[in-house]
């Protein structure tokens, strides 16, 4: 069992499986499957989803142009995660080409409706169940880690993703490399 405190809330994570590797934050895989932790990154920046697109037609060429909805914020988030990962791994690290598993917790800011006159309402949820979608956050994270931790995001064979509210936005991610 693991207790985690984020901001004004605490949550206890209890594994649904007897697999003891869960206690160490490792993916729950068969015991014959060998994994090695590559790195853990903790970046204090508001997570920005990737995947929502806008389209318009260029009047001069009559061609459709497709762009991310929030390109500046997305680029800034990915750049910050990428730089932090490189800093953690050091200058001599070469991105792995092995299959990888990514475990990520995204901490998103609370809306004003979670607060009352006396601070955080007791009814305010801890689990984030509104947009952005967890898969779009994971896509931004995987793209940010590409070239720093692993060579290509197609190497990600599995992941676990949590979206939680926090007073301090950010992402906490661990990358595991298959040794098989």
Protein backbone atom coordinates (compact mmCIF):
# COMPACT_ATOMS: atom_id res chain seq x y z
CA UNK A 1 0.00 0.00 0.00
CA UNK A 2 1.29 3.48 -0.84
CA UNK A 3 0.04 6.86 0.41
CA UNK A 4 0.64 9.91 -1.73
CA UNK A 5 0.02 13.49 -0.65
CA UNK A 6 -0.50 16.10 -3.32
CA UNK A 7 -1.54 19.59 -2.31
CA UNK A 8 -4.36 19.46 0.23
CA UNK A 9 -5.44 15.89 -0.58
CA UNK A 10 -4.08 12.43 0.14
CA UNK A 11 -4.84 9.19 -1.61
CA UNK A 12 -3.82 5.64 -0.84
CA UNK A 13 -3.03 3.41 -3.79
CA UNK A 14 -3.64 -0.28 -3.17
CA UNK A 15 -2.61 -2.77 -5.83
CA UNK A 16 -5.35 -4.86 -7.43
CA UNK A 17 -2.80 -7.57 -8.08
CA UNK A 18 -0.53 -9.43 -5.69
CA UNK A 19 2.40 -8.64 -7.98
CA UNK A 20 4.97 -7.14 -5.56
CA UNK A 21 6.66 -5.05 -8.26
CA UNK A 22 3.69 -2.69 -8.05
CA UNK A 23 4.95 -1.62 -4.65
CA UNK A 24 8.13 -0.35 -6.31
CA UNK A 25 6.21 1.51 -9.03
CA UNK A 26 7.12 -1.07 -11.67
CA UNK A 27 4.71 -2.30 -14.33
CA UNK A 28 2.83 -5.45 -13.32
CA UNK A 29 4.17 -7.89 -15.90
CA UNK A 30 4.89 -11.62 -15.75
CA UNK A 31 7.90 -12.46 -13.57
CA UNK A 32 9.74 -13.85 -16.60
CA UNK A 33 9.62 -10.41 -18.23
CA UNK A 34 12.74 -8.42 -17.34
CA UNK A 35 12.46 -4.61 -17.02
CA UNK A 36 14.99 -1.95 -16.04
CA UNK A 37 14.11 1.55 -14.86
CA UNK A 38 15.59 4.06 -17.31
CA UNK A 39 14.62 7.28 -15.55
CA UNK A 40 12.02 9.14 -13.55
CA UNK A 41 11.16 12.73 -14.41
CA UNK A 42 9.21 15.20 -12.29
CA UNK A 43 8.44 18.42 -14.12
CA UNK A 44 6.49 21.27 -12.53
CA UNK A 45 4.69 22.67 -15.56
CA UNK A 46 1.02 22.53 -16.48
CA UNK A 47 0.52 19.44 -18.65
CA UNK A 48 -0.72 20.31 -22.15
CA UNK A 49 -2.58 17.73 -24.24
CA UNK A 50 -1.55 16.86 -27.76
CA UNK A 51 -3.94 15.70 -30.41
CA UNK A 52 -6.60 18.37 -30.67
CA UNK A 53 -6.23 19.96 -34.07
CA UNK A 54 -7.63 22.94 -35.94
CA UNK A 55 -7.86 23.12 -39.71
CA UNK A 56 -8.17 25.97 -42.15
CA UNK A 57 -7.82 26.44 -45.89
CA UNK A 58 -4.97 28.55 -47.22
CA UNK A 59 -6.72 30.98 -49.60
CA UNK A 60 -3.68 31.28 -51.87
CA UNK A 61 -3.08 27.55 -52.37
CA UNK A 62 -6.56 26.19 -51.55
CA UNK A 63 -4.84 23.53 -49.42
CA UNK A 64 -5.93 22.48 -45.95
CA UNK A 65 -3.56 23.37 -43.12
CA UNK A 66 -3.83 21.37 -39.89
CA UNK A 67 -2.27 22.73 -36.70
CA UNK A 68 -2.34 21.91 -32.98
CA UNK A 69 -4.93 23.94 -31.07
CA UNK A 70 -2.41 25.23 -28.52
CA UNK A 71 0.96 25.05 -30.30
CA UNK A 72 2.96 27.50 -28.12
CA UNK A 73 1.95 25.96 -24.79
CA UNK A 74 2.36 22.41 -26.15
CA UNK A 75 5.80 23.16 -27.55
CA UNK A 76 6.86 24.76 -24.26
CA UNK A 77 5.62 21.78 -22.21
CA UNK A 78 7.32 19.22 -24.47
CA UNK A 79 10.56 21.23 -24.51
CA UNK A 80 10.62 21.46 -20.70
CA UNK A 81 10.01 17.70 -20.23
CA UNK A 82 12.59 16.85 -22.92
CA UNK A 83 15.24 19.10 -21.34
CA UNK A 84 14.59 17.70 -17.87
CA UNK A 85 14.89 14.11 -19.14
CA UNK A 86 18.20 14.90 -20.81
CA UNK A 87 19.41 16.51 -17.58
CA UNK A 88 18.44 13.44 -15.55
CA UNK A 89 20.10 10.99 -17.94
CA UNK A 90 23.28 12.98 -18.46
CA UNK A 91 25.22 13.99 -21.56
CA UNK A 92 26.54 10.52 -22.43
CA UNK A 93 23.15 8.79 -22.56
CA UNK A 94 22.00 7.46 -25.92
CA UNK A 95 18.22 6.96 -26.30
CA UNK A 96 17.26 3.31 -25.98
CA UNK A 97 15.93 1.38 -28.96
CA UNK A 98 14.39 -1.33 -26.77
CA UNK A 99 10.65 -1.56 -26.02
CA UNK A 100 9.62 0.78 -23.18
CA UNK A 101 6.78 1.07 -20.68
CA UNK A 102 5.78 4.53 -19.44
CA UNK A 103 4.07 5.13 -16.10
CA UNK A 104 2.80 8.70 -15.70
CA UNK A 105 0.82 10.78 -13.23
CA UNK A 106 -0.43 14.12 -14.50
CA UNK A 107 -1.23 16.74 -11.88
CA UNK A 108 -3.68 19.31 -13.19
CA UNK A 109 -4.73 22.61 -11.61
CA UNK A 110 -8.01 22.79 -9.74
CA UNK A 111 -10.80 25.01 -11.05
CA UNK A 112 -12.03 27.90 -8.86
CA UNK A 113 -15.25 25.96 -8.19
CA UNK A 114 -13.26 23.56 -5.96
CA UNK A 115 -12.62 26.38 -3.50
CA UNK A 116 -14.94 28.10 -1.04
CA UNK A 117 -14.51 30.95 1.40
CA UNK A 118 -12.48 28.68 3.73
CA UNK A 119 -10.26 27.14 1.05
CA UNK A 120 -10.58 23.77 -0.65
CA UNK A 121 -14.10 22.34 -0.36
CA UNK A 122 -14.36 18.92 1.28
CA UNK A 123 -16.45 17.81 -1.72
CA UNK A 124 -13.69 18.71 -4.21
CA UNK A 125 -12.56 15.58 -6.07
CA UNK A 126 -8.96 14.35 -6.20
CA UNK A 127 -9.34 12.35 -9.40
CA UNK A 128 -9.49 14.45 -12.59
CA UNK A 129 -12.31 13.17 -14.84
CA UNK A 130 -12.82 16.06 -17.26
CA UNK A 131 -10.85 17.21 -20.30
CA UNK A 132 -8.05 16.95 -21.24
CA UNK A 133 -8.17 13.25 -22.07
CA UNK A 134 -5.43 11.10 -20.53
CA UNK A 135 -4.43 9.68 -23.92
CA UNK A 136 -3.75 13.17 -25.29
CA UNK A 137 -1.62 14.01 -22.25
CA UNK A 138 0.29 10.73 -22.70
CA UNK A 139 0.82 11.52 -26.38
CA UNK A 140 2.43 14.87 -25.48
CA UNK A 141 4.61 13.19 -22.85
CA UNK A 142 5.74 10.42 -25.20
CA UNK A 143 6.65 12.95 -27.89
CA UNK A 144 8.59 14.98 -25.30
CA UNK A 145 10.57 11.91 -24.22
CA UNK A 146 11.34 10.90 -27.82
CA UNK A 147 14.98 11.58 -28.61
CA UNK A 148 15.82 12.02 -24.94
CA UNK A 149 14.88 8.69 -23.31
CA UNK A 150 13.86 6.51 -26.26
CA UNK A 151 14.51 6.83 -29.97
CA UNK A 152 10.88 6.75 -31.15
CA UNK A 153 7.52 6.80 -29.38
CA UNK A 154 6.48 3.70 -31.33
CA UNK A 155 8.72 1.78 -28.88
CA UNK A 156 6.17 2.40 -26.10
CA UNK A 157 4.47 -0.99 -25.75
CA UNK A 158 2.39 -0.08 -22.70
CA UNK A 159 1.60 2.62 -20.20
CA UNK A 160 -0.33 3.52 -17.11
CA UNK A 161 -1.67 7.04 -16.79
CA UNK A 162 -3.31 8.88 -13.89
CA UNK A 163 -4.94 12.32 -13.99
CA UNK A 164 -5.19 13.98 -10.59
CA UNK A 165 -5.95 17.45 -9.27
CA UNK A 166 -3.14 19.25 -7.49
CA UNK A 167 -2.18 22.65 -6.15
CA UNK A 168 1.04 22.27 -8.13
CA UNK A 169 0.58 21.22 -11.77
CA UNK A 170 3.10 18.90 -13.38
CA UNK A 171 3.93 15.40 -14.51
CA UNK A 172 5.71 12.55 -12.75
CA UNK A 173 6.76 9.83 -15.19
CA UNK A 174 8.92 6.73 -15.02
CA UNK A 175 10.21 4.96 -18.11
CA UNK A 176 11.00 1.24 -17.99
CA UNK A 177 13.05 -0.55 -20.61
CA UNK A 178 12.56 -4.19 -21.60
CA UNK A 179 15.72 -6.23 -21.24
CA UNK A 180 14.29 -9.12 -23.27
